[in-house]
């Protein structure tokens, strides 16, 4: 007998989530940008594609993805036989929202000589319209395998695309989307922190605009940033990505200080993802109890979207999401 969520608090709520997880034969995934209490109860914590691949390798019947909608869709594409639930179906993504499938299809039709390298932060329908899906850790490797005279559309993140273009010298047609979190980081606030902590390196996600990544010693994925922060000899690290990843940094290196770069004027919470924040323990409990909200995708969309995902995995030639540490790298979402 399941209890009403309003009657559950603290340890009782955690115990009920654990009971339902066992009853449903579920695996709980948490992205690095989730609240610490969700990260701490998850079976796996990581970046989006790595989580989906780990879930696919389990014998779980249910995947509870504590992240955002495009991540849960990717898990469904890679595990079509499993039930995939998302604690809050309104947990979307500004990059996904910036790239509606009909507009992307029209854009592709207007540039028939271009191939589409599409960042994984997009809907399943947009993946199905793409030639190769990339994470930020695989994009550079994949670009090196595409002939230099081949025209390329890159979307939906213009900052990641611009970073890749500057790094590789490739001239790509960029879709104009941005991540509202990484877009919000303040160069003024970052410079204040650099003046206060002159020996602290900056680790930044390539979804940040140039005026942030140009100050970074490490540009990479959530996983690459985490690895760099842990392994760096510096005792203070400035972190330019969603600050909930700092929870994992503090667990792995409790003797270090990790400082999130502020957004705006330094007095807002705009460096935190409002979509990720929609997931809560209470909503996770209800999702496991009811097996809703559930990710539903047509077999046709899943089959078409799986092709560019598998093409990425083949071209990357290694475990996607793992960045090399000790030099500037590109990393996964």
Protein backbone atom coordinates (compact mmCIF):
# COMPACT_ATOMS: atom_id res chain seq x y z
CA UNK A 1 0.00 0.00 0.00
CA UNK A 2 1.54 3.31 -1.05
CA UNK A 3 1.21 6.35 1.17
CA UNK A 4 -0.05 9.76 0.01
CA UNK A 5 2.92 11.96 -0.70
CA UNK A 6 1.79 14.72 1.67
CA UNK A 7 2.15 12.31 4.60
CA UNK A 8 5.78 11.46 3.83
CA UNK A 9 8.71 13.45 5.14
CA UNK A 10 12.45 12.98 5.44
CA UNK A 11 13.59 9.42 6.07
CA UNK A 12 10.08 8.04 5.45
CA UNK A 13 10.03 9.56 1.96
CA UNK A 14 13.47 8.15 1.15
CA UNK A 15 12.41 4.71 2.45
CA UNK A 16 9.28 4.76 0.29
CA UNK A 17 11.27 5.74 -2.80
CA UNK A 18 13.65 2.87 -2.11
CA UNK A 19 10.76 0.43 -1.63
CA UNK A 20 9.06 1.51 -4.85
CA UNK A 21 12.36 1.31 -6.72
CA UNK A 22 12.74 -2.32 -5.67
CA UNK A 23 9.10 -3.17 -6.41
CA UNK A 24 9.26 -1.59 -9.87
CA UNK A 25 12.72 -2.99 -10.61
CA UNK A 26 13.71 0.60 -11.37
CA UNK A 27 17.02 2.35 -11.79
CA UNK A 28 17.23 6.00 -10.69
CA UNK A 29 19.41 8.35 -12.72
CA UNK A 30 20.42 11.85 -11.63
CA UNK A 31 22.16 14.46 -13.73
CA UNK A 32 24.94 16.48 -12.11
CA UNK A 33 22.62 19.51 -12.11
CA UNK A 34 20.05 17.89 -9.82
CA UNK A 35 19.64 18.88 -6.18
CA UNK A 36 22.06 17.11 -3.81
CA UNK A 37 19.31 15.08 -2.14
CA UNK A 38 18.37 13.58 -5.50
CA UNK A 39 22.00 12.93 -6.46
CA UNK A 40 22.57 11.13 -3.17
CA UNK A 41 19.79 8.58 -3.64
CA UNK A 42 20.42 7.90 -7.34
CA UNK A 43 21.94 4.66 -8.59
CA UNK A 44 23.98 6.62 -11.12
CA UNK A 45 24.99 10.29 -11.24
CA UNK A 46 26.50 11.70 -14.39
CA UNK A 47 25.99 13.51 -17.68
CA UNK A 48 23.05 12.77 -19.91
CA UNK A 49 24.30 10.26 -22.49
CA UNK A 50 26.47 8.33 -20.05
CA UNK A 51 23.46 7.91 -17.75
CA UNK A 52 21.30 6.60 -20.59
CA UNK A 53 23.95 4.10 -21.62
CA UNK A 54 24.41 2.86 -18.06
CA UNK A 55 20.66 2.42 -17.66
CA UNK A 56 20.49 0.49 -20.94
CA UNK A 57 23.10 -1.92 -19.61
CA UNK A 58 21.04 -2.79 -16.52
CA UNK A 59 18.22 -5.33 -16.23
CA UNK A 60 15.89 -2.65 -14.85
CA UNK A 61 12.32 -2.55 -16.17
CA UNK A 62 11.90 1.14 -15.29
CA UNK A 63 14.23 4.11 -15.73
CA UNK A 64 13.48 7.07 -13.47
CA UNK A 65 15.44 9.91 -15.06
CA UNK A 66 15.96 12.88 -12.77
CA UNK A 67 17.04 15.35 -15.38
CA UNK A 68 15.23 17.07 -18.24
CA UNK A 69 12.95 15.81 -20.97
CA UNK A 70 15.45 15.42 -23.83
CA UNK A 71 17.64 13.28 -21.54
CA UNK A 72 14.75 10.98 -20.68
CA UNK A 73 13.89 10.75 -24.39
CA UNK A 74 17.46 9.66 -25.13
CA UNK A 75 17.15 6.97 -22.46
CA UNK A 76 13.95 5.76 -24.14
CA UNK A 77 15.61 5.70 -27.57
CA UNK A 78 18.46 3.56 -26.21
CA UNK A 79 16.12 1.37 -24.12
CA UNK A 80 12.83 1.21 -26.07
CA UNK A 81 11.68 -1.86 -24.14
CA UNK A 82 11.96 -0.09 -20.77
CA UNK A 83 9.46 2.25 -19.15
CA UNK A 84 11.05 5.70 -18.78
CA UNK A 85 9.58 8.18 -16.31
CA UNK A 86 10.45 11.80 -15.62
CA UNK A 87 9.43 13.30 -12.25
CA UNK A 88 8.15 16.49 -13.93
CA UNK A 89 7.32 16.56 -17.64
CA UNK A 90 7.69 20.35 -17.60
CA UNK A 91 11.43 19.87 -16.99
CA UNK A 92 12.45 21.01 -20.44
CA UNK A 93 15.49 22.78 -21.84
CA UNK A 94 15.94 26.19 -23.43
CA UNK A 95 18.11 24.64 -26.16
CA UNK A 96 15.41 22.11 -27.02
CA UNK A 97 12.78 24.86 -26.96
CA UNK A 98 14.87 27.03 -29.30
CA UNK A 99 14.79 24.38 -32.03
CA UNK A 100 11.26 23.24 -32.97
CA UNK A 101 11.33 20.23 -35.31
CA UNK A 102 9.30 21.91 -38.07
CA UNK A 103 11.62 24.93 -38.14
CA UNK A 104 14.70 22.71 -38.10
CA UNK A 105 13.30 20.63 -40.97
CA UNK A 106 12.66 23.79 -43.00
CA UNK A 107 16.17 25.05 -42.22
CA UNK A 108 17.67 21.77 -43.40
CA UNK A 109 15.58 21.88 -46.56
CA UNK A 110 16.90 25.38 -47.30
CA UNK A 111 20.49 24.08 -47.09
CA UNK A 112 20.36 20.69 -48.85
CA UNK A 113 24.14 20.49 -49.31
CA UNK A 114 24.77 20.69 -45.54
CA UNK A 115 24.91 17.81 -43.10
CA UNK A 116 23.47 18.35 -39.62
CA UNK A 117 25.70 17.85 -36.59
CA UNK A 118 23.23 18.26 -33.77
CA UNK A 119 24.03 18.66 -30.09
CA UNK A 120 22.35 16.05 -27.92
CA UNK A 121 20.43 18.83 -26.10
CA UNK A 122 17.48 18.63 -28.49
CA UNK A 123 14.22 16.75 -28.87
CA UNK A 124 13.94 13.22 -30.22
CA UNK A 125 12.18 14.66 -33.27
CA UNK A 126 15.15 16.93 -34.03
CA UNK A 127 17.56 14.03 -33.50
CA UNK A 128 15.53 12.12 -36.09
CA UNK A 129 16.17 14.96 -38.57
CA UNK A 130 19.94 14.94 -37.95
CA UNK A 131 22.91 13.17 -39.52
CA UNK A 132 25.14 12.86 -36.46
CA UNK A 133 24.38 13.63 -32.81
CA UNK A 134 27.28 15.02 -30.80
CA UNK A 135 28.08 15.64 -27.19
CA UNK A 136 30.61 18.29 -26.40
CA UNK A 137 33.15 15.50 -25.71
CA UNK A 138 32.61 13.82 -29.07
CA UNK A 139 32.06 16.87 -31.31
CA UNK A 140 35.73 17.68 -31.90
CA UNK A 141 36.58 14.04 -32.65
CA UNK A 142 33.68 13.75 -35.08
CA UNK A 143 34.47 17.04 -36.82
CA UNK A 144 37.97 15.76 -37.56
CA UNK A 145 36.43 12.88 -39.55
CA UNK A 146 34.25 15.08 -41.77
CA UNK A 147 35.85 16.42 -44.98
CA UNK A 148 36.77 20.08 -44.64
CA UNK A 149 34.82 20.99 -47.77
CA UNK A 150 31.60 19.46 -46.42
CA UNK A 151 29.18 22.24 -45.35
CA UNK A 152 27.84 21.72 -41.82
CA UNK A 153 24.80 22.87 -39.89
CA UNK A 154 25.45 22.89 -36.14
CA UNK A 155 22.64 23.33 -33.66
CA UNK A 156 20.98 24.10 -31.46
CA UNK A 157 23.70 25.71 -29.27
CA UNK A 158 25.43 28.59 -31.04
CA UNK A 159 27.98 29.02 -28.23
CA UNK A 160 29.13 25.40 -28.38
CA UNK A 161 29.12 25.62 -32.18
CA UNK A 162 31.08 28.86 -32.08
CA UNK A 163 33.62 27.40 -29.68
CA UNK A 164 34.11 24.40 -31.96
CA UNK A 165 34.44 26.66 -35.00
CA UNK A 166 37.13 28.75 -33.30
CA UNK A 167 38.95 25.67 -32.04
CA UNK A 168 38.90 23.72 -35.31
CA UNK A 169 38.77 26.49 -37.91
CA UNK A 170 35.60 24.97 -39.39
CA UNK A 171 33.06 27.35 -40.89
CA UNK A 172 29.68 26.06 -39.71
CA UNK A 173 26.15 27.38 -40.10
CA UNK A 174 24.98 27.84 -36.51
CA UNK A 175 21.44 27.53 -35.19
CA UNK A 176 20.86 30.50 -32.84
CA UNK A 177 19.93 28.65 -29.61
CA UNK A 178 21.50 29.19 -26.20
CA UNK A 179 21.37 27.61 -22.75
CA UNK A 180 19.74 30.21 -20.50
CA UNK A 181 21.94 29.14 -17.57
CA UNK A 182 25.33 29.26 -19.30
CA UNK A 183 24.32 32.40 -21.20
CA UNK A 184 23.70 34.17 -17.88
CA UNK A 185 27.21 33.93 -16.41
CA UNK A 186 28.66 37.35 -15.75
CA UNK A 187 32.13 38.27 -17.00
CA UNK A 188 32.22 41.12 -14.46
CA UNK A 189 31.53 38.74 -11.58
CA UNK A 190 34.05 36.24 -12.94
CA UNK A 191 36.75 38.91 -13.12
CA UNK A 192 35.97 39.90 -9.52
CA UNK A 193 36.49 36.28 -8.46
CA UNK A 194 39.72 36.00 -10.45
CA UNK A 195 41.03 39.12 -8.71
CA UNK A 196 40.03 37.70 -5.32
CA UNK A 197 41.50 34.25 -6.07
CA UNK A 198 44.34 34.93 -8.54
CA UNK A 199 45.70 31.38 -8.39
CA UNK A 200 42.33 29.68 -8.92
CA UNK A 201 41.81 28.15 -12.38
CA UNK A 202 38.48 28.52 -14.16
CA UNK A 203 36.64 25.48 -15.48
CA UNK A 204 33.86 26.36 -17.92
CA UNK A 205 31.31 24.51 -20.01
CA UNK A 206 31.46 25.26 -23.76
CA UNK A 207 27.80 26.27 -23.67
CA UNK A 208 29.09 29.48 -22.07
CA UNK A 209 29.58 32.53 -24.32
CA UNK A 210 33.09 33.50 -25.49
CA UNK A 211 33.53 36.18 -22.81
CA UNK A 212 33.44 33.37 -20.22
CA UNK A 213 35.28 30.51 -21.97
CA UNK A 214 38.11 32.86 -22.99
CA UNK A 215 39.01 33.15 -19.28
CA UNK A 216 38.96 29.38 -18.66
CA UNK A 217 41.91 27.07 -18.15
CA UNK A 218 39.62 24.11 -18.85
CA UNK A 219 36.70 24.11 -21.29
CA UNK A 220 34.78 20.87 -21.12
CA UNK A 221 31.75 18.84 -20.19
CA UNK A 222 30.25 18.35 -16.78
CA UNK A 223 32.36 15.18 -16.44
CA UNK A 224 35.52 16.87 -17.73
CA UNK A 225 34.96 19.82 -15.38
CA UNK A 226 34.44 17.45 -12.45
CA UNK A 227 37.60 15.49 -13.24
CA UNK A 228 39.65 18.65 -13.70
CA UNK A 229 38.40 20.16 -10.44
CA UNK A 230 39.25 17.02 -8.48
CA UNK A 231 42.67 16.44 -10.04
CA UNK A 232 43.87 20.04 -10.25
CA UNK A 233 46.66 20.86 -7.78
CA UNK A 234 44.89 24.13 -6.98
CA UNK A 235 42.99 24.27 -3.71
CA UNK A 236 40.36 26.66 -5.13
CA UNK A 237 38.50 26.19 -8.42
CA UNK A 238 36.11 28.64 -10.11
CA UNK A 239 33.27 26.74 -11.76
CA UNK A 240 31.33 28.15 -14.73
CA UNK A 241 28.54 25.65 -15.11
CA UNK A 242 25.35 24.85 -13.20
CA UNK A 243 26.51 24.90 -9.55
CA UNK A 244 24.83 21.69 -8.36
CA UNK A 245 27.80 19.79 -9.81
CA UNK A 246 29.80 21.26 -6.94
CA UNK A 247 28.10 18.70 -4.67
CA UNK A 248 30.03 15.91 -6.40
CA UNK A 249 33.25 17.96 -6.30
CA UNK A 250 32.93 18.51 -2.56
CA UNK A 251 32.27 14.81 -1.96
CA UNK A 252 35.32 13.79 -3.99
CA UNK A 253 37.70 16.53 -2.80
CA UNK A 254 36.46 17.86 0.58
CA UNK A 255 39.76 19.64 1.20
CA UNK A 256 39.23 22.00 -1.75
CA UNK A 257 37.08 25.08 -2.24
CA UNK A 258 34.79 25.23 -5.27
CA UNK A 259 33.16 28.53 -6.16
CA UNK A 260 30.35 28.83 -8.66
CA UNK A 261 30.60 31.78 -11.02
CA UNK A 262 27.52 34.00 -10.48
CA UNK A 263 25.06 35.06 -13.11
CA UNK A 264 23.63 38.52 -13.66
CA UNK A 265 24.79 41.02 -11.06
CA UNK A 266 25.84 38.30 -8.63
CA UNK A 267 22.64 38.58 -6.58
CA UNK A 268 20.39 36.24 -8.57
CA UNK A 269 19.99 32.48 -8.86
CA UNK A 270 20.26 32.65 -12.65
CA UNK A 271 23.29 30.32 -12.66
CA UNK A 272 20.89 27.54 -11.56
CA UNK A 273 18.79 25.64 -14.09
CA UNK A 274 15.08 26.31 -13.43
CA UNK A 275 14.12 23.20 -15.42
CA UNK A 276 16.33 20.84 -13.40
CA UNK A 277 14.92 22.39 -10.22
CA UNK A 278 11.40 21.17 -11.10
CA UNK A 279 12.34 17.62 -10.09
CA UNK A 280 11.87 16.90 -6.38
CA UNK A 281 11.92 13.85 -4.12
CA UNK A 282 8.15 14.09 -3.77
CA UNK A 283 7.66 14.08 -7.55
CA UNK A 284 10.08 11.18 -7.91
CA UNK A 285 8.03 9.21 -5.36
CA UNK A 286 4.79 9.91 -7.27
CA UNK A 287 6.41 9.00 -10.60
CA UNK A 288 7.59 5.65 -9.23
CA UNK A 289 4.22 5.04 -7.59
CA UNK A 290 2.14 5.82 -10.71
CA UNK A 291 4.72 5.16 -13.46
CA UNK A 292 3.80 8.61 -14.75
CA UNK A 293 4.76 11.02 -16.31
CA UNK A 294 6.01 8.54 -18.89
CA UNK A 295 8.11 9.20 -22.00
CA UNK A 296 6.17 8.06 -25.05
CA UNK A 297 7.81 8.16 -28.49
CA UNK A 298 6.68 6.57 -31.73
CA UNK A 299 8.73 3.61 -32.99
CA UNK A 300 9.44 5.58 -36.18
CA UNK A 301 10.93 8.55 -34.30
CA UNK A 302 12.97 6.26 -32.05
CA UNK A 303 14.33 4.29 -35.00
CA UNK A 304 15.26 7.43 -36.93
CA UNK A 305 16.78 9.15 -33.89
CA UNK A 306 18.80 6.08 -32.96
CA UNK A 307 20.69 6.20 -36.28
CA UNK A 308 22.57 9.50 -35.66
CA UNK A 309 23.13 8.53 -32.01
CA UNK A 310 24.74 5.25 -33.01
CA UNK A 311 26.70 7.06 -35.73
CA UNK A 312 28.13 9.34 -33.03
CA UNK A 313 29.14 6.38 -30.86
CA UNK A 314 30.86 4.72 -33.78
CA UNK A 315 32.70 7.87 -34.87
CA UNK A 316 33.71 8.86 -31.34
CA UNK A 317 35.50 5.54 -30.87
CA UNK A 318 35.47 5.77 -27.08
CA UNK A 319 33.15 6.15 -24.15
CA UNK A 320 31.30 9.39 -24.79
CA UNK A 321 31.29 11.83 -21.88
CA UNK A 322 34.86 11.17 -20.72
CA UNK A 323 37.14 14.12 -21.39
CA UNK A 324 40.92 14.11 -21.21
CA UNK A 325 42.18 16.08 -18.25
CA UNK A 326 45.19 18.38 -18.18
CA UNK A 327 44.50 20.19 -21.44
CA UNK A 328 41.52 22.12 -22.82
CA UNK A 329 38.91 19.60 -23.97
CA UNK A 330 35.37 19.41 -25.22
CA UNK A 331 33.03 17.39 -22.99
CA UNK A 332 29.43 15.89 -22.89
CA UNK A 333 26.25 17.76 -21.89
